[in-house]
Protein backbone atom coordinates (compact mmCIF):
# COMPACT_ATOMS: atom_id res chain seq x y z
CA MET A 1 97.22 104.89 78.15
CA ASN A 2 100.89 105.80 78.79
CA LYS A 3 101.47 109.53 78.81
CA THR A 4 104.36 111.02 76.85
CA PRO A 5 106.59 113.74 78.37
CA LEU A 6 104.92 116.27 76.04
CA SER A 7 101.41 115.28 77.17
CA LEU A 8 102.49 115.53 80.82
CA ILE A 9 103.87 119.02 80.20
CA ARG A 10 100.62 120.04 78.53
CA ALA A 11 98.61 118.63 81.45
CA PHE A 12 100.82 120.52 83.90
CA VAL A 13 100.39 123.80 82.02
CA ALA A 14 96.62 123.29 81.81
CA SER A 15 96.43 122.60 85.55
CA VAL A 16 98.46 125.72 86.35
CA ARG A 17 96.11 127.82 84.24
CA LYS A 18 93.03 126.30 85.89
CA ASN A 19 94.18 125.82 89.50
CA GLY A 20 97.26 128.01 89.93
CA LEU A 21 100.89 127.02 90.41
CA ALA A 22 100.72 126.41 94.19
CA ASN A 23 97.73 124.06 93.96
CA THR A 24 99.23 122.23 91.00
CA LEU A 25 102.52 121.65 92.82
CA GLN A 26 100.65 120.49 95.93
CA TYR A 27 98.67 117.99 93.85
CA ALA A 28 101.86 116.80 92.13
CA ARG A 29 103.51 116.19 95.53
CA THR A 30 100.49 114.19 96.65
CA LEU A 31 100.61 112.04 93.52
CA ALA A 32 104.35 111.47 93.93
CA TYR A 33 103.93 110.43 97.56
CA ASP A 34 101.12 108.00 96.65
CA TYR A 35 103.17 106.53 93.80
CA PHE A 36 106.10 105.83 96.10
CA PHE A 37 103.72 104.46 98.78
CA ASP A 38 102.84 101.71 96.31
CA LEU A 39 106.43 101.25 95.19
CA ARG A 40 107.74 101.00 98.76
CA HIS A 41 105.22 98.35 99.80
CA GLY A 42 104.79 96.44 96.53
CA LEU A 43 101.15 97.49 96.14
CA ASP A 44 98.75 98.32 93.31
CA THR A 45 96.53 101.19 94.48
CA PHE A 46 97.85 104.12 92.43
CA SER A 47 96.41 103.62 88.95
CA TRP A 48 92.88 104.83 88.26
CA VAL A 49 90.22 102.64 86.61
CA ALA A 50 87.48 104.24 84.51
CA ARG A 51 83.91 103.19 85.20
CA ASP A 52 83.46 101.69 81.74
CA ALA A 53 86.60 99.58 82.27
CA LEU A 54 85.26 97.89 85.42
CA ASP A 55 84.28 94.24 85.03
CA ALA A 56 80.91 94.76 86.73
CA THR A 57 78.69 97.67 87.66
CA PRO A 58 75.28 97.67 89.36
CA ALA A 59 72.18 97.64 87.19
CA ASP A 60 71.52 101.31 87.95
CA ASN A 61 75.12 102.11 86.87
CA ASP A 62 75.40 104.95 89.37
CA THR A 63 78.95 104.13 90.42
CA ALA A 64 82.03 106.29 89.93
CA SER A 65 85.40 105.42 88.44
CA TYR A 66 88.07 104.07 90.78
CA GLN A 67 90.17 106.92 92.11
CA PRO A 68 92.38 106.24 95.15
CA THR A 69 92.11 108.24 98.36
CA PRO A 70 95.37 110.20 98.88
CA VAL A 71 97.49 108.75 101.68
CA ARG A 72 98.74 111.83 103.53
CA PRO A 73 95.43 113.75 103.64
CA LEU A 74 93.69 110.61 104.97
CA ARG A 75 96.37 110.12 107.62
CA SER A 76 96.04 113.76 108.66
CA LEU A 77 92.27 113.42 108.99
CA LEU A 78 92.43 110.24 111.07
CA GLN A 79 95.02 111.83 113.34
CA GLN A 80 92.74 114.84 113.77
CA LEU A 81 89.62 112.79 114.53
CA SER A 82 91.28 110.54 117.15
CA LEU A 83 88.60 107.87 116.74
CA PRO A 84 88.10 105.36 119.55
CA ARG A 85 90.49 102.42 119.52
CA GLU A 86 88.98 99.09 118.50
CA SER A 87 86.46 100.76 116.17
CA VAL A 88 85.28 99.02 113.00
CA LEU A 89 85.54 100.93 109.72
CA VAL A 90 83.61 100.27 106.51
CA ASP A 91 84.76 101.74 103.19
CA PHE A 92 81.88 101.90 100.71
CA GLY A 93 83.40 101.48 97.26
CA CYS A 94 86.83 100.45 98.51
CA GLY A 95 88.35 100.01 95.06
CA LYS A 96 91.88 98.66 95.48
CA GLY A 97 91.79 98.95 99.27
CA ARG A 98 94.03 101.92 100.03
CA VAL A 99 91.76 103.30 102.78
CA LEU A 100 91.88 99.92 104.53
CA LEU A 101 95.68 99.98 104.44
CA VAL A 102 96.00 103.48 105.90
CA ALA A 103 93.27 102.86 108.48
CA SER A 104 95.17 99.83 109.77
CA GLU A 105 97.75 102.29 111.16
CA PHE A 106 95.14 103.76 113.54
CA ALA A 107 94.21 100.88 115.88
CA PHE A 108 90.95 99.88 114.22
CA ARG A 109 89.83 96.44 115.34
CA GLU A 110 88.67 95.63 111.83
CA VAL A 111 88.43 97.35 108.45
CA ARG A 112 85.91 96.19 105.86
CA GLY A 113 85.89 97.17 102.24
CA LEU A 114 82.77 96.89 100.07
CA GLU A 115 83.28 96.80 96.32
CA TYR A 116 80.96 95.79 93.48
CA SER A 117 83.70 94.93 90.97
CA PRO A 118 85.09 91.39 91.48
CA ALA A 119 88.36 92.39 89.81
CA LEU A 120 88.89 95.32 92.17
CA CYS A 121 87.98 93.06 95.11
CA ARG A 122 90.77 90.70 94.12
CA VAL A 123 93.27 93.54 93.86
CA ALA A 124 92.17 94.97 97.22
CA ASP A 125 92.44 91.59 98.92
CA ARG A 126 95.93 91.06 97.48
CA ASN A 127 97.04 94.54 98.58
CA CYS A 128 95.73 93.99 102.10
CA ARG A 129 97.39 90.61 102.47
CA ARG A 130 100.72 92.00 101.30
CA TYR A 131 100.60 95.18 103.41
CA PHE A 132 99.32 93.48 106.57
CA ALA A 133 101.95 90.74 106.27
CA GLN A 134 104.68 93.38 106.13
CA HIS A 135 103.44 95.44 109.05
CA SER A 136 101.63 92.81 111.19
CA PRO A 137 98.91 95.19 112.35
CA ASP A 138 96.46 94.07 114.98
CA THR A 139 93.67 95.16 112.64
CA HIS A 140 91.75 92.45 110.79
CA PHE A 141 90.48 93.08 107.28
CA GLN A 142 87.68 91.90 105.04
CA VAL A 143 87.07 92.71 101.38
CA LEU A 144 83.47 91.98 100.43
CA GLN A 145 82.01 91.89 96.93
CA SER A 146 78.71 93.67 97.54
CA ASP A 147 76.22 96.16 96.17
CA ALA A 148 76.52 99.02 98.65
CA LYS A 149 72.83 99.92 98.68
CA ASN A 150 71.88 96.40 99.79
CA TYR A 151 74.62 95.96 102.40
CA PRO A 152 73.17 95.12 105.85
CA VAL A 153 75.08 97.43 108.19
CA ARG A 154 76.39 95.45 111.16
CA GLU A 155 75.95 96.54 114.74
CA ASP A 156 79.70 96.70 115.44
CA GLU A 157 80.40 99.11 112.54
CA THR A 158 80.91 102.70 113.66
CA VAL A 159 83.03 104.49 111.05
CA PHE A 160 81.77 104.72 107.46
CA PHE A 161 84.03 106.07 104.72
CA LEU A 162 82.94 107.38 101.32
CA PHE A 163 85.07 108.90 98.55
CA ASN A 164 82.10 110.02 96.45
CA PRO A 165 81.72 106.43 95.18
CA PHE A 166 78.26 106.82 93.65
CA GLY A 167 75.49 109.32 92.96
CA ALA A 168 72.77 110.73 95.15
CA GLU A 169 70.26 107.90 94.67
CA ILE A 170 72.54 105.10 95.91
CA LEU A 171 73.98 107.36 98.61
CA GLU A 172 70.49 107.92 99.95
CA ARG A 173 69.93 104.16 100.25
CA VAL A 174 73.29 103.69 101.96
CA ILE A 175 72.62 106.45 104.51
CA GLU A 176 69.15 105.06 105.19
CA ASN A 177 70.69 101.66 105.94
CA ILE A 178 73.24 103.23 108.30
CA GLN A 179 70.51 105.25 109.98
CA LYS A 180 68.38 102.12 110.48
CA SER A 181 71.30 100.27 112.03
CA LEU A 182 71.97 103.15 114.42
CA ALA A 183 68.30 103.24 115.40
CA ASP A 184 68.18 99.47 116.01
CA ASN A 185 71.52 99.44 117.87
CA PRO A 186 72.24 102.93 119.25
CA ARG A 187 75.92 103.83 119.25
CA ARG A 188 78.24 106.71 118.41
CA ALA A 189 79.16 106.69 114.72
CA TRP A 190 81.03 108.73 112.12
CA ILE A 191 80.44 109.16 108.40
CA VAL A 192 83.58 110.44 106.67
CA TYR A 193 82.87 111.80 103.19
CA LEU A 194 85.76 112.81 100.93
CA ASN A 195 84.83 115.19 98.07
CA PRO A 196 81.29 115.53 99.48
CA LEU A 197 79.34 116.37 96.32
CA HIS A 198 76.04 115.07 97.74
CA ARG A 199 76.37 116.03 101.39
CA ASP A 200 72.86 117.47 101.29
CA VAL A 201 71.54 113.92 100.89
CA ILE A 202 73.09 112.93 104.22
CA ASN A 203 71.39 115.81 106.00
CA GLN A 204 68.08 115.07 104.30
CA VAL A 205 67.85 111.40 105.32
CA SER A 206 69.68 111.42 108.65
CA ASP A 207 70.14 113.66 111.66
CA PRO A 208 73.81 114.03 112.60
CA ALA A 209 74.52 115.64 115.96
CA ILE A 210 77.71 117.29 114.68
CA GLU A 211 78.91 118.21 111.20
CA LEU A 212 82.55 119.14 110.64
CA ASP A 213 84.63 120.18 107.64
CA TYR A 214 88.33 119.58 107.13
CA GLU A 215 90.78 120.24 104.32
CA PHE A 216 94.18 118.58 104.02
CA GLY A 217 96.43 118.98 101.01
CA GLY A 218 93.62 120.51 98.99
CA TYR A 219 91.24 117.59 99.66
CA ARG A 220 87.94 118.34 101.40
CA PHE A 221 86.39 116.00 103.96
CA ALA A 222 82.94 116.32 105.57
CA VAL A 223 82.51 114.41 108.83
CA PHE A 224 79.08 113.64 110.27
CA ILE A 225 78.91 112.45 113.88
CA TYR A 226 75.94 110.58 115.33
CA GLU A 227 75.42 110.38 119.10
C-alpha cells in the first residue's frame, strides 16, 4: 500500500512518541540510506513482504515476513568482526539477498542464501547477478530454494547469518544441524544473529566458546563463536 504524506507524518509522530526523536531520526536515516542503496545499484531489496503475501511457506508456517537487513549496520559489524578471508557465509532466510550483496564486499569466498519462497529466490538471484556484474567481486554466490530446518550444513560453511527469520522451533533445528556439522568436521565458526529474540535457544542446543553483543545504528547483533 502506498503511504500518503499525512500517513507518513502520523507514523513519524507515533514513532517519536514511542522511541524518541533521536532514535526515530536514526531509523529514518537508515531507511533513506537503504533506499538509495537500491536506487544506486538498480536493485530490489528495500520493500518489505508480509508473511501472508509470500508465495510459499513451510507446513509449520513458523517463518517471518521479509524485512531487509540494514546496509550500514551490517557493514559496521563485518568490519568489526574481521572474519577470515575466503570464508563461506550462509544466510538463513535470505529474502531478496541484501546480506549476500553486502557480504561480497568482505572477501568471502562464497555467499549462499537459503530461502523457502521461490519468488523471493528469483528476486535474490536477480539482485546478486546485477550487483556482482557491476562490482566484479571475487565472491561467488548461490541462492538456494530450501527449507532451512532440513538444510544439510556443508563442511566449508563457517559463518551463519540470521535476521530472526523464524521462531524458536525451527531455529532449534537449524542450530542442531550446524552443531552436528561442526562436530563431524571441527572448525571455527560464527553465528551472527540480528534482532536475537530467541538467543536462549542457541545456548540451549549448542555450546559457543564466546558470545558477543554489538549494536550499530540501533540494531542489535548477537555473535556466537565456536572453536
